[in-house]
Protein backbone atom coordinates (compact mmCIF):
# COMPACT_ATOMS: atom_id res chain seq x y z
CA MET A 1 29.82 147.46 80.71
CA PRO A 2 28.94 150.76 79.30
CA GLU A 3 30.95 153.90 80.16
CA THR A 4 28.75 156.65 81.74
CA ILE A 5 29.02 160.22 80.44
CA GLY A 6 27.20 163.54 81.16
CA TRP A 7 24.89 165.62 78.79
CA LYS A 8 27.90 167.69 77.83
CA GLU A 9 31.39 166.49 77.51
CA TRP A 10 34.76 167.54 76.26
CA LEU A 11 35.87 165.14 73.27
CA ALA A 12 39.07 164.87 71.31
CA LEU A 13 39.23 163.78 67.61
CA PRO A 14 42.82 162.88 67.45
CA GLU A 15 42.64 161.56 63.87
CA LEU A 16 41.18 165.04 62.76
CA GLY A 17 43.87 166.87 64.83
CA VAL A 18 41.09 168.35 67.18
CA PRO A 19 42.56 167.95 70.82
CA ALA A 20 39.49 169.42 72.47
CA ILE A 21 35.92 170.08 71.46
CA LYS A 22 32.85 170.67 73.77
CA ALA A 23 29.97 168.44 72.61
CA LYS A 24 26.49 168.24 73.51
CA VAL A 25 25.39 164.53 74.07
CA ASP A 26 21.95 164.20 72.44
CA THR A 27 20.06 160.97 72.54
CA GLY A 28 17.32 162.61 70.54
CA ALA A 29 19.68 163.11 67.56
CA LYS A 30 20.20 160.03 65.40
CA THR A 31 23.64 161.32 63.95
CA SER A 32 26.48 163.46 65.18
CA ALA A 33 27.45 166.77 63.73
CA LEU A 34 30.52 168.68 63.86
CA HIS A 35 30.97 172.46 63.08
CA ALA A 36 32.62 173.33 59.74
CA PHE A 37 32.58 176.80 58.14
CA LYS A 38 34.63 175.92 55.03
CA LEU A 39 34.82 172.88 52.85
CA GLU A 40 37.08 171.75 50.15
CA PHE A 41 36.53 168.46 48.13
CA PHE A 42 39.38 166.70 46.55
CA THR A 43 40.11 163.38 45.10
CA GLU A 44 43.38 161.36 45.88
CA GLU A 45 44.07 157.94 44.52
CA GLY A 46 40.26 157.67 43.41
CA ARG A 47 38.98 158.51 46.91
CA GLU A 48 37.15 161.44 47.75
CA PHE A 49 38.32 163.55 50.66
CA VAL A 50 37.16 166.81 52.46
CA ARG A 51 39.40 169.51 53.77
CA PHE A 52 37.39 171.56 56.27
CA TRP A 53 37.94 174.36 58.80
CA LEU A 54 36.36 174.51 62.18
CA HIS A 55 36.41 177.03 65.18
CA PRO A 56 36.46 174.29 67.99
CA LEU A 57 35.91 176.88 70.82
CA GLN A 58 32.61 178.60 71.19
CA LYS A 59 32.68 182.22 70.77
CA ASN A 60 36.17 182.16 69.41
CA THR A 61 36.96 182.66 65.83
CA GLU A 62 40.53 183.32 66.12
CA ILE A 63 41.47 179.70 66.59
CA GLU A 64 41.10 177.56 63.52
CA VAL A 65 41.66 173.93 63.07
CA VAL A 66 42.05 172.59 59.47
CA CYS A 67 41.08 168.83 59.12
CA VAL A 68 41.23 166.28 56.33
CA ALA A 69 39.05 163.22 56.20
CA PRO A 70 37.82 160.69 53.74
CA VAL A 71 34.02 161.26 52.78
CA ALA A 72 31.93 158.34 53.69
CA ASP A 73 28.68 159.51 52.15
CA ARG A 74 26.68 162.61 51.17
CA ARG A 75 22.95 163.07 52.24
CA VAL A 76 20.41 165.78 52.53
CA ILE A 77 19.18 166.17 56.09
CA ARG A 78 16.94 168.31 57.89
CA ASP A 79 17.85 170.27 61.10
CA SER A 80 15.29 170.59 63.95
CA GLY A 81 13.92 173.76 62.28
CA GLY A 82 13.12 171.84 59.06
CA HIS A 83 15.96 173.44 57.18
CA GLU A 84 17.65 171.17 54.60
CA GLU A 85 21.41 170.76 54.53
CA GLU A 86 23.86 168.52 52.56
CA PRO A 87 26.35 167.48 54.98
CA VAL A 88 29.34 165.39 54.47
CA LEU A 89 29.83 162.28 56.65
CA ILE A 90 33.31 161.52 57.95
CA ARG A 91 34.80 158.85 60.31
CA GLY A 92 36.77 159.77 63.30
CA LYS A 93 38.41 157.72 65.94
CA GLN A 94 38.45 156.66 69.68
CA TRP A 95 35.68 154.54 68.34
CA LEU A 96 34.52 154.90 64.79
CA ILE A 97 31.62 157.35 64.21
CA GLU A 98 30.04 158.97 61.42
CA VAL A 99 29.92 162.83 61.71
CA SER A 100 27.94 165.43 59.57
CA LEU A 101 29.75 168.52 58.76
CA ALA A 102 27.47 171.53 59.26
CA SER A 103 27.73 175.19 60.19
CA ARG A 104 27.05 175.30 63.85
CA GLU A 105 28.34 179.01 64.36
CA ASN A 106 25.19 179.98 66.03
CA MET A 107 24.77 176.85 68.16
CA SER A 108 25.89 176.67 71.82
CA PHE A 109 28.12 173.47 71.13
CA ARG A 110 30.46 172.89 68.23
CA MET A 111 29.64 169.25 68.25
CA LEU A 112 26.70 167.19 68.80
CA LEU A 113 27.25 163.47 69.76
CA GLY A 114 24.07 161.60 68.49
CA ARG A 115 22.79 158.22 69.63
CA SER A 116 24.40 156.28 66.77
CA ALA A 117 27.79 157.36 67.90
CA MET A 118 27.03 156.36 71.59
CA ARG A 119 25.72 152.86 70.40
CA ARG A 120 29.05 152.38 68.89
CA GLY A 121 30.98 153.39 71.98
CA ASN A 122 28.85 151.55 74.29
CA VAL A 123 27.95 154.59 76.56
CA LEU A 124 25.17 155.43 78.87
CA VAL A 125 24.18 159.13 79.36
CA ASP A 126 23.49 160.47 82.92
CA PRO A 127 21.51 163.74 82.13
CA SER A 128 22.26 164.84 85.66
CA ARG A 129 25.94 165.13 85.08
CA SER A 130 28.39 166.86 82.83
CA TYR A 131 32.09 166.62 82.19
CA VAL A 132 32.38 163.19 83.54
CA SER A 133 35.51 162.61 81.44
CA GLY A 134 37.00 165.73 82.87
CA LYS A 135 37.27 169.30 81.74
CA ARG A 136 39.79 170.03 79.07
CA ILE A 137 41.45 173.61 79.44
CA LYS A 138 41.12 175.98 76.51
CA LYS A 139 44.96 176.65 76.87
CA ILE A 140 45.40 173.30 75.14
CA TYR A 141 45.04 175.33 71.94
CA THR A 142 47.96 177.52 72.90
CA LYS A 143 50.16 174.36 73.21
CA THR A 144 48.89 172.80 70.11
CA ARG A 145 49.22 175.96 67.98
CA LYS A 146 53.01 175.96 68.79
CA THR A 147 53.52 172.35 67.79
CA ALA A 148 51.02 172.21 64.93
CA LYS A 149 52.21 175.20 62.89
CA ASN A 150 54.41 173.10 60.95
CA ASN A 151 51.66 170.72 59.75
CA ASN A 152 49.10 173.54 59.16
CA ARG A 153 46.55 171.94 61.52
CA VAL A 154 45.84 174.91 63.63
CA LYS A 155 46.03 178.59 62.74
CA SER A 156 45.54 181.64 64.81
């Protein structure tokens, strides 16, 4: 039975060290996108990885999360304005999804959850609702910052 979610939700990407990020649930978008403002590619044991930095909270550039993920693919995509970008696709967990990394600095949401990810998670979207999974408090990054300084995940 599908789980119902709203048109905007707080999500967690634990494998990437992101305890909370607000996402727009977009059934019109095929793929998901995650905000990243700096990318570094590297190879380890013959596999390509990407280290990327993101600001998980809208209108807050003081909090940075540094993530590392294997690169699944590279593609050229067009945004809704027709601009071409070459994002990097990564895999995250709760359920496995592919996420394109792109600058979403001027967007209202740091993450866009597309319909491919929703199919994998077997979710149903109720556009009249939001934060069905609950609201995460922004203070979570204050707690995370204290514990994560040792592994260089979160910087302030």
